[in-house]
Amino acid sequence: QVHLVESGGGLVRAGGSLTLACTISGSLFRTVAMGWYRQTPGMERDLVAQITGGGSTNYADSVKGRFTIAKGDTGNTLYLQMNSLKTEDTAVYYCSIRGYESPTLWGDYWGQGTQVTVSS
């Protein structure tokens, strides 16, 4: 089974930047999409950014122009570059992959999350 581990979270000042990384162990027969989600206590886990196997991307309106999702060009990695951070971006960020383990079996895989805290 595919295993995901996020890293790169921390505490930054408003206006600063962070880059999150997702390390992917194992492999999939076919990757449908990869994405970053975030969640604050008492709130739903919401999509932040998504990239398909073909490279198409989409972003939450709240992060457009500030965040960039990208696949690593070496190894099995997924990145989220976050610029011009706001206090509202404070959350636990999760990496997720939807893919096929075989031609007929697919599933969603999640990391354990990494905390991002933005101070004013």
N, C-alpha and C. Protein backbone atom coordinates (compact mmCIF):
# COMPACT_ATOMS: atom_id res chain seq x y z
N GLN A 1 0.83 -1.18 0.00
CA GLN A 1 0.00 0.00 0.00
C GLN A 1 0.88 1.25 0.00
N VAL A 2 0.41 2.28 -0.67
CA VAL A 2 1.14 3.54 -0.73
C VAL A 2 1.11 4.21 0.64
N HIS A 3 2.24 4.81 1.03
CA HIS A 3 2.36 5.49 2.30
C HIS A 3 2.85 6.91 2.06
N LEU A 4 2.19 7.90 2.68
CA LEU A 4 2.50 9.30 2.49
C LEU A 4 2.95 9.93 3.80
N VAL A 5 3.99 10.75 3.74
CA VAL A 5 4.48 11.46 4.91
C VAL A 5 4.73 12.91 4.55
N GLU A 6 4.05 13.83 5.26
CA GLU A 6 4.24 15.26 5.02
C GLU A 6 5.37 15.80 5.89
N SER A 7 6.00 16.86 5.40
CA SER A 7 7.03 17.56 6.16
C SER A 7 7.08 19.01 5.71
N GLY A 8 7.77 19.84 6.47
CA GLY A 8 7.98 21.22 6.09
C GLY A 8 7.12 22.23 6.83
N GLY A 9 6.21 21.77 7.65
CA GLY A 9 5.38 22.69 8.41
C GLY A 9 6.18 23.41 9.48
N GLY A 10 5.58 24.45 10.03
CA GLY A 10 6.24 25.21 11.07
C GLY A 10 5.50 26.50 11.35
N LEU A 11 6.17 27.40 12.04
CA LEU A 11 5.61 28.70 12.40
C LEU A 11 6.31 29.79 11.60
N VAL A 12 5.52 30.63 10.94
CA VAL A 12 6.06 31.73 10.16
C VAL A 12 5.25 32.99 10.41
N ARG A 13 5.86 34.14 10.13
CA ARG A 13 5.17 35.41 10.21
C ARG A 13 4.27 35.61 9.01
N ALA A 14 3.20 36.35 9.19
CA ALA A 14 2.36 36.73 8.06
C ALA A 14 3.21 37.40 6.99
N GLY A 15 2.97 37.03 5.74
CA GLY A 15 3.76 37.54 4.64
C GLY A 15 4.93 36.66 4.26
N GLY A 16 5.25 35.70 5.10
CA GLY A 16 6.35 34.80 4.84
C GLY A 16 5.97 33.64 3.95
N SER A 17 6.91 32.71 3.78
CA SER A 17 6.72 31.58 2.88
C SER A 17 7.12 30.27 3.54
N LEU A 18 6.51 29.20 3.08
CA LEU A 18 6.87 27.84 3.47
C LEU A 18 6.67 26.93 2.27
N THR A 19 7.45 25.86 2.20
CA THR A 19 7.23 24.82 1.21
C THR A 19 7.02 23.50 1.91
N LEU A 20 5.88 22.88 1.67
CA LEU A 20 5.58 21.58 2.22
C LEU A 20 5.98 20.49 1.23
N ALA A 21 6.38 19.35 1.74
CA ALA A 21 6.74 18.21 0.90
C ALA A 21 6.00 16.97 1.36
N CYS A 22 5.63 16.16 0.41
CA CYS A 22 4.99 14.88 0.68
C CYS A 22 5.86 13.79 0.07
N THR A 23 6.37 12.92 0.92
CA THR A 23 7.19 11.80 0.46
C THR A 23 6.30 10.58 0.26
N ILE A 24 6.36 10.01 -0.92
CA ILE A 24 5.50 8.90 -1.31
C ILE A 24 6.31 7.62 -1.36
N SER A 25 5.92 6.65 -0.54
CA SER A 25 6.56 5.34 -0.54
C SER A 25 5.67 4.35 -1.29
N GLY A 26 6.29 3.44 -2.02
CA GLY A 26 5.55 2.50 -2.82
C GLY A 26 5.20 3.09 -4.17
N SER A 27 4.33 2.43 -4.89
CA SER A 27 3.95 2.90 -6.22
C SER A 27 2.52 2.49 -6.53
N LEU A 28 1.96 3.15 -7.53
CA LEU A 28 0.61 2.87 -7.99
C LEU A 28 0.63 2.51 -9.46
N PHE A 29 -0.32 1.67 -9.86
CA PHE A 29 -0.48 1.33 -11.25
C PHE A 29 -0.80 2.57 -12.08
N ARG A 30 -1.65 3.43 -11.53
CA ARG A 30 -2.01 4.68 -12.19
C ARG A 30 -2.43 5.69 -11.13
N THR A 31 -1.89 6.89 -11.22
CA THR A 31 -2.28 7.98 -10.34
C THR A 31 -3.34 8.84 -11.02
N VAL A 32 -4.47 9.00 -10.36
CA VAL A 32 -5.55 9.82 -10.89
C VAL A 32 -5.32 11.28 -10.56
N ALA A 33 -5.01 11.55 -9.29
CA ALA A 33 -4.80 12.92 -8.86
C ALA A 33 -4.04 12.94 -7.54
N MET A 34 -3.38 14.05 -7.27
CA MET A 34 -2.72 14.29 -6.00
C MET A 34 -3.13 15.66 -5.51
N GLY A 35 -3.18 15.83 -4.20
CA GLY A 35 -3.62 17.11 -3.70
C GLY A 35 -3.19 17.39 -2.28
N TRP A 36 -3.36 18.64 -1.91
CA TRP A 36 -3.15 19.10 -0.56
C TRP A 36 -4.47 19.59 0.02
N TYR A 37 -4.76 19.20 1.24
CA TYR A 37 -5.94 19.62 1.96
C TYR A 37 -5.51 20.24 3.28
N ARG A 38 -6.42 20.99 3.90
CA ARG A 38 -6.11 21.54 5.22
C ARG A 38 -7.36 21.50 6.10
N GLN A 39 -7.11 21.47 7.40
CA GLN A 39 -8.19 21.35 8.37
C GLN A 39 -7.83 22.08 9.65
N THR A 40 -8.80 22.83 10.18
CA THR A 40 -8.67 23.47 11.48
C THR A 40 -9.67 22.81 12.42
N PRO A 41 -9.45 22.90 13.74
CA PRO A 41 -10.35 22.24 14.69
C PRO A 41 -11.80 22.64 14.50
N GLY A 42 -12.67 21.64 14.44
CA GLY A 42 -14.09 21.88 14.30
C GLY A 42 -14.54 22.18 12.89
N MET A 43 -13.62 22.16 11.92
CA MET A 43 -13.96 22.49 10.54
C MET A 43 -13.74 21.28 9.64
N GLU A 44 -14.32 21.34 8.44
CA GLU A 44 -14.13 20.29 7.45
C GLU A 44 -12.71 20.32 6.89
N ARG A 45 -12.30 19.18 6.37
CA ARG A 45 -11.04 19.11 5.64
C ARG A 45 -11.30 19.58 4.21
N ASP A 46 -10.67 20.68 3.82
CA ASP A 46 -10.95 21.33 2.55
C ASP A 46 -9.78 21.21 1.58
N LEU A 47 -10.12 21.12 0.30
CA LEU A 47 -9.11 21.08 -0.74
C LEU A 47 -8.40 22.42 -0.84
N VAL A 48 -7.08 22.39 -0.88
CA VAL A 48 -6.26 23.57 -1.08
C VAL A 48 -5.77 23.64 -2.52
N ALA A 49 -5.20 22.54 -3.00
CA ALA A 49 -4.66 22.49 -4.35
C ALA A 49 -4.66 21.05 -4.83
N GLN A 50 -4.84 20.87 -6.13
CA GLN A 50 -4.91 19.54 -6.72
C GLN A 50 -4.17 19.52 -8.05
N ILE A 51 -3.53 18.41 -8.36
CA ILE A 51 -2.89 18.23 -9.65
C ILE A 51 -3.21 16.82 -10.14
N THR A 52 -3.64 16.71 -11.40
CA THR A 52 -3.97 15.42 -11.98
C THR A 52 -2.73 14.75 -12.53
N GLY A 53 -2.89 13.47 -12.90
CA GLY A 53 -1.78 12.76 -13.50
C GLY A 53 -1.29 13.41 -14.77
N GLY A 54 -2.18 14.11 -15.48
CA GLY A 54 -1.82 14.81 -16.69
C GLY A 54 -1.24 16.19 -16.48
N GLY A 55 -1.22 16.66 -15.23
CA GLY A 55 -0.61 17.94 -14.93
C GLY A 55 -1.56 19.11 -14.76
N SER A 56 -2.85 18.89 -14.92
CA SER A 56 -3.81 19.97 -14.71
C SER A 56 -3.91 20.30 -13.23
N THR A 57 -4.06 21.58 -12.92
CA THR A 57 -4.12 22.02 -11.53
C THR A 57 -5.36 22.84 -11.26
N ASN A 58 -5.79 22.84 -10.01
CA ASN A 58 -6.82 23.76 -9.56
C ASN A 58 -6.56 24.09 -8.10
N TYR A 59 -7.03 25.29 -7.69
CA TYR A 59 -6.75 25.80 -6.37
C TYR A 59 -8.01 26.35 -5.73
N ALA A 60 -8.04 26.31 -4.42
CA ALA A 60 -9.09 27.01 -3.69
C ALA A 60 -8.95 28.51 -3.96
N ASP A 61 -10.08 29.20 -4.04
CA ASP A 61 -10.05 30.63 -4.33
C ASP A 61 -9.20 31.39 -3.32
N SER A 62 -9.19 30.95 -2.08
CA SER A 62 -8.49 31.66 -1.03
C SER A 62 -6.97 31.61 -1.17
N VAL A 63 -6.44 30.70 -1.99
CA VAL A 63 -4.99 30.56 -2.13
C VAL A 63 -4.49 30.84 -3.53
N LYS A 64 -5.37 31.10 -4.47
CA LYS A 64 -4.95 31.38 -5.84
C LYS A 64 -4.02 32.57 -5.89
N GLY A 65 -2.94 32.41 -6.64
CA GLY A 65 -1.95 33.47 -6.75
C GLY A 65 -0.91 33.45 -5.65
N ARG A 66 -1.13 32.65 -4.62
CA ARG A 66 -0.19 32.58 -3.50
C ARG A 66 0.45 31.21 -3.34
N PHE A 67 -0.30 30.14 -3.62
CA PHE A 67 0.18 28.78 -3.45
C PHE A 67 0.41 28.12 -4.80
N THR A 68 1.37 27.22 -4.87
CA THR A 68 1.65 26.45 -6.08
C THR A 68 1.87 24.99 -5.74
N ILE A 69 1.14 24.10 -6.41
CA ILE A 69 1.33 22.66 -6.22
C ILE A 69 2.19 22.15 -7.37
N ALA A 70 3.10 21.23 -7.06
CA ALA A 70 3.99 20.71 -8.08
C ALA A 70 4.44 19.30 -7.74
N LYS A 71 4.62 18.49 -8.77
CA LYS A 71 5.22 17.17 -8.61
C LYS A 71 6.74 17.30 -8.64
N GLY A 72 7.41 16.53 -7.81
CA GLY A 72 8.84 16.52 -7.86
C GLY A 72 9.35 15.87 -9.13
N ASP A 73 10.44 16.43 -9.69
CA ASP A 73 10.99 15.87 -10.92
C ASP A 73 12.00 14.76 -10.64
N THR A 74 12.23 14.49 -9.38
CA THR A 74 13.07 13.37 -8.99
C THR A 74 12.47 12.71 -7.74
N GLY A 75 12.43 11.41 -7.74
CA GLY A 75 11.85 10.69 -6.63
C GLY A 75 10.34 10.82 -6.60
N ASN A 76 9.74 10.28 -5.57
CA ASN A 76 8.29 10.33 -5.40
C ASN A 76 7.94 11.40 -4.37
N THR A 77 7.69 12.61 -4.88
CA THR A 77 7.40 13.73 -3.99
C THR A 77 6.30 14.61 -4.56
N LEU A 78 5.61 15.30 -3.68
CA LEU A 78 4.62 16.30 -4.03
C LEU A 78 4.87 17.52 -3.15
N TYR A 79 4.88 18.70 -3.76
CA TYR A 79 5.21 19.92 -3.04
C TYR A 79 4.03 20.89 -3.03
N LEU A 80 4.01 21.72 -2.02
CA LEU A 80 3.11 22.86 -1.96
C LEU A 80 3.93 24.07 -1.52
N GLN A 81 4.16 24.98 -2.46
CA GLN A 81 4.85 26.22 -2.14
C GLN A 81 3.83 27.25 -1.73
N MET A 82 4.01 27.82 -0.56
CA MET A 82 3.07 28.77 0.00
C MET A 82 3.77 30.11 0.21
N ASN A 83 3.28 31.13 -0.47
CA ASN A 83 3.83 32.48 -0.37
C ASN A 83 2.79 33.43 0.19
N SER A 84 3.26 34.58 0.66
CA SER A 84 2.37 35.62 1.19
C SER A 84 1.37 35.04 2.18
N LEU A 85 1.88 34.27 3.12
CA LEU A 85 1.02 33.57 4.06
C LEU A 85 0.24 34.53 4.95
N LYS A 86 -0.98 34.14 5.25
CA LYS A 86 -1.88 34.90 6.11
C LYS A 86 -2.20 34.08 7.35
N THR A 87 -2.65 34.75 8.40
CA THR A 87 -3.03 34.03 9.62
C THR A 87 -4.15 33.04 9.33
N GLU A 88 -5.00 33.34 8.35
CA GLU A 88 -6.09 32.46 7.98
C GLU A 88 -5.62 31.14 7.37
N ASP A 89 -4.34 31.06 6.99
CA ASP A 89 -3.79 29.83 6.42
C ASP A 89 -3.40 28.83 7.50
N THR A 90 -3.45 29.23 8.75
CA THR A 90 -3.09 28.33 9.85
C THR A 90 -4.00 27.11 9.85
N ALA A 91 -3.39 25.92 9.81
CA ALA A 91 -4.15 24.67 9.74
C ALA A 91 -3.19 23.50 9.75
N VAL A 92 -3.74 22.30 9.87
CA VAL A 92 -2.99 21.08 9.60
C VAL A 92 -3.16 20.77 8.12
N TYR A 93 -2.06 20.58 7.43
CA TYR A 93 -2.08 20.33 6.00
C TYR A 93 -1.82 18.85 5.73
N TYR A 94 -2.64 18.27 4.86
CA TYR A 94 -2.57 16.85 4.53
C TYR A 94 -2.30 16.63 3.05
N CYS A 95 -1.48 15.65 2.77
CA CYS A 95 -1.21 15.21 1.40
C CYS A 95 -2.13 14.03 1.09
N SER A 96 -2.64 13.97 -0.13
CA SER A 96 -3.53 12.89 -0.53
C SER A 96 -3.29 12.48 -1.97
N ILE A 97 -3.46 11.19 -2.23
CA ILE A 97 -3.36 10.66 -3.58
C ILE A 97 -4.54 9.75 -3.85
N ARG A 98 -5.13 9.90 -5.02
CA ARG A 98 -6.13 8.94 -5.51
C ARG A 98 -5.50 8.20 -6.68
N GLY A 99 -5.51 6.86 -6.60
CA GLY A 99 -4.90 6.10 -7.67
C GLY A 99 -5.33 4.66 -7.69
N TYR A 100 -4.91 3.98 -8.73
CA TYR A 100 -5.21 2.56 -8.93
C TYR A 100 -4.03 1.71 -8.48
N GLU A 101 -4.28 0.73 -7.63
CA GLU A 101 -3.26 -0.25 -7.26
C GLU A 101 -3.15 -1.33 -8.32
N SER A 102 -4.21 -1.54 -9.08
CA SER A 102 -4.28 -2.48 -10.19
C SER A 102 -5.28 -1.91 -11.18
N PRO A 103 -5.45 -2.56 -12.35
CA PRO A 103 -6.42 -2.00 -13.31
C PRO A 103 -7.84 -1.88 -12.80
N THR A 104 -8.20 -2.62 -11.74
CA THR A 104 -9.58 -2.62 -11.24
C THR A 104 -9.72 -2.20 -9.79
N LEU A 105 -8.65 -1.87 -9.10
CA LEU A 105 -8.71 -1.53 -7.69
C LEU A 105 -8.10 -0.15 -7.45
N TRP A 106 -8.90 0.78 -6.93
CA TRP A 106 -8.41 2.12 -6.64
C TRP A 106 -8.76 2.51 -5.21
N GLY A 107 -8.06 3.51 -4.72
CA GLY A 107 -8.31 4.01 -3.39
C GLY A 107 -7.71 5.38 -3.16
N ASP A 108 -8.05 5.96 -2.01
CA ASP A 108 -7.49 7.24 -1.57
C ASP A 108 -6.51 7.00 -0.44
N TYR A 109 -5.39 7.72 -0.49
CA TYR A 109 -4.34 7.56 0.50
C TYR A 109 -4.04 8.92 1.13
N TRP A 110 -3.82 8.93 2.44
CA TRP A 110 -3.62 10.16 3.19
C TRP A 110 -2.39 10.09 4.07
N GLY A 111 -1.72 11.22 4.21
CA GLY A 111 -0.65 11.34 5.18
C GLY A 111 -1.21 11.70 6.55
N GLN A 112 -0.31 11.85 7.51
CA GLN A 112 -0.73 12.13 8.89
C GLN A 112 -0.92 13.61 9.17
N GLY A 113 -0.46 14.46 8.27
CA GLY A 113 -0.62 15.90 8.41
C GLY A 113 0.60 16.59 8.98
N THR A 114 0.75 17.87 8.65
CA THR A 114 1.81 18.70 9.20
C THR A 114 1.23 20.06 9.55
N GLN A 115 1.59 20.57 10.72
CA GLN A 115 1.02 21.82 11.23
C GLN A 115 1.70 23.03 10.60
N VAL A 116 0.88 23.97 10.13
CA VAL A 116 1.36 25.27 9.66
C VAL A 116 0.69 26.34 10.51
N THR A 117 1.50 27.18 11.14
CA THR A 117 0.98 28.25 11.97
C THR A 117 1.55 29.58 11.48
N VAL A 118 0.67 30.52 11.18
CA VAL A 118 1.06 31.83 10.68
C VAL A 118 0.70 32.86 11.74
N SER A 119 1.69 33.59 12.21
CA SER A 119 1.49 34.59 13.25
C SER A 119 1.42 35.99 12.65
N SER A 120 0.72 36.89 13.33
CA SER A 120 0.58 38.26 12.88
C SER A 120 1.73 39.11 13.36
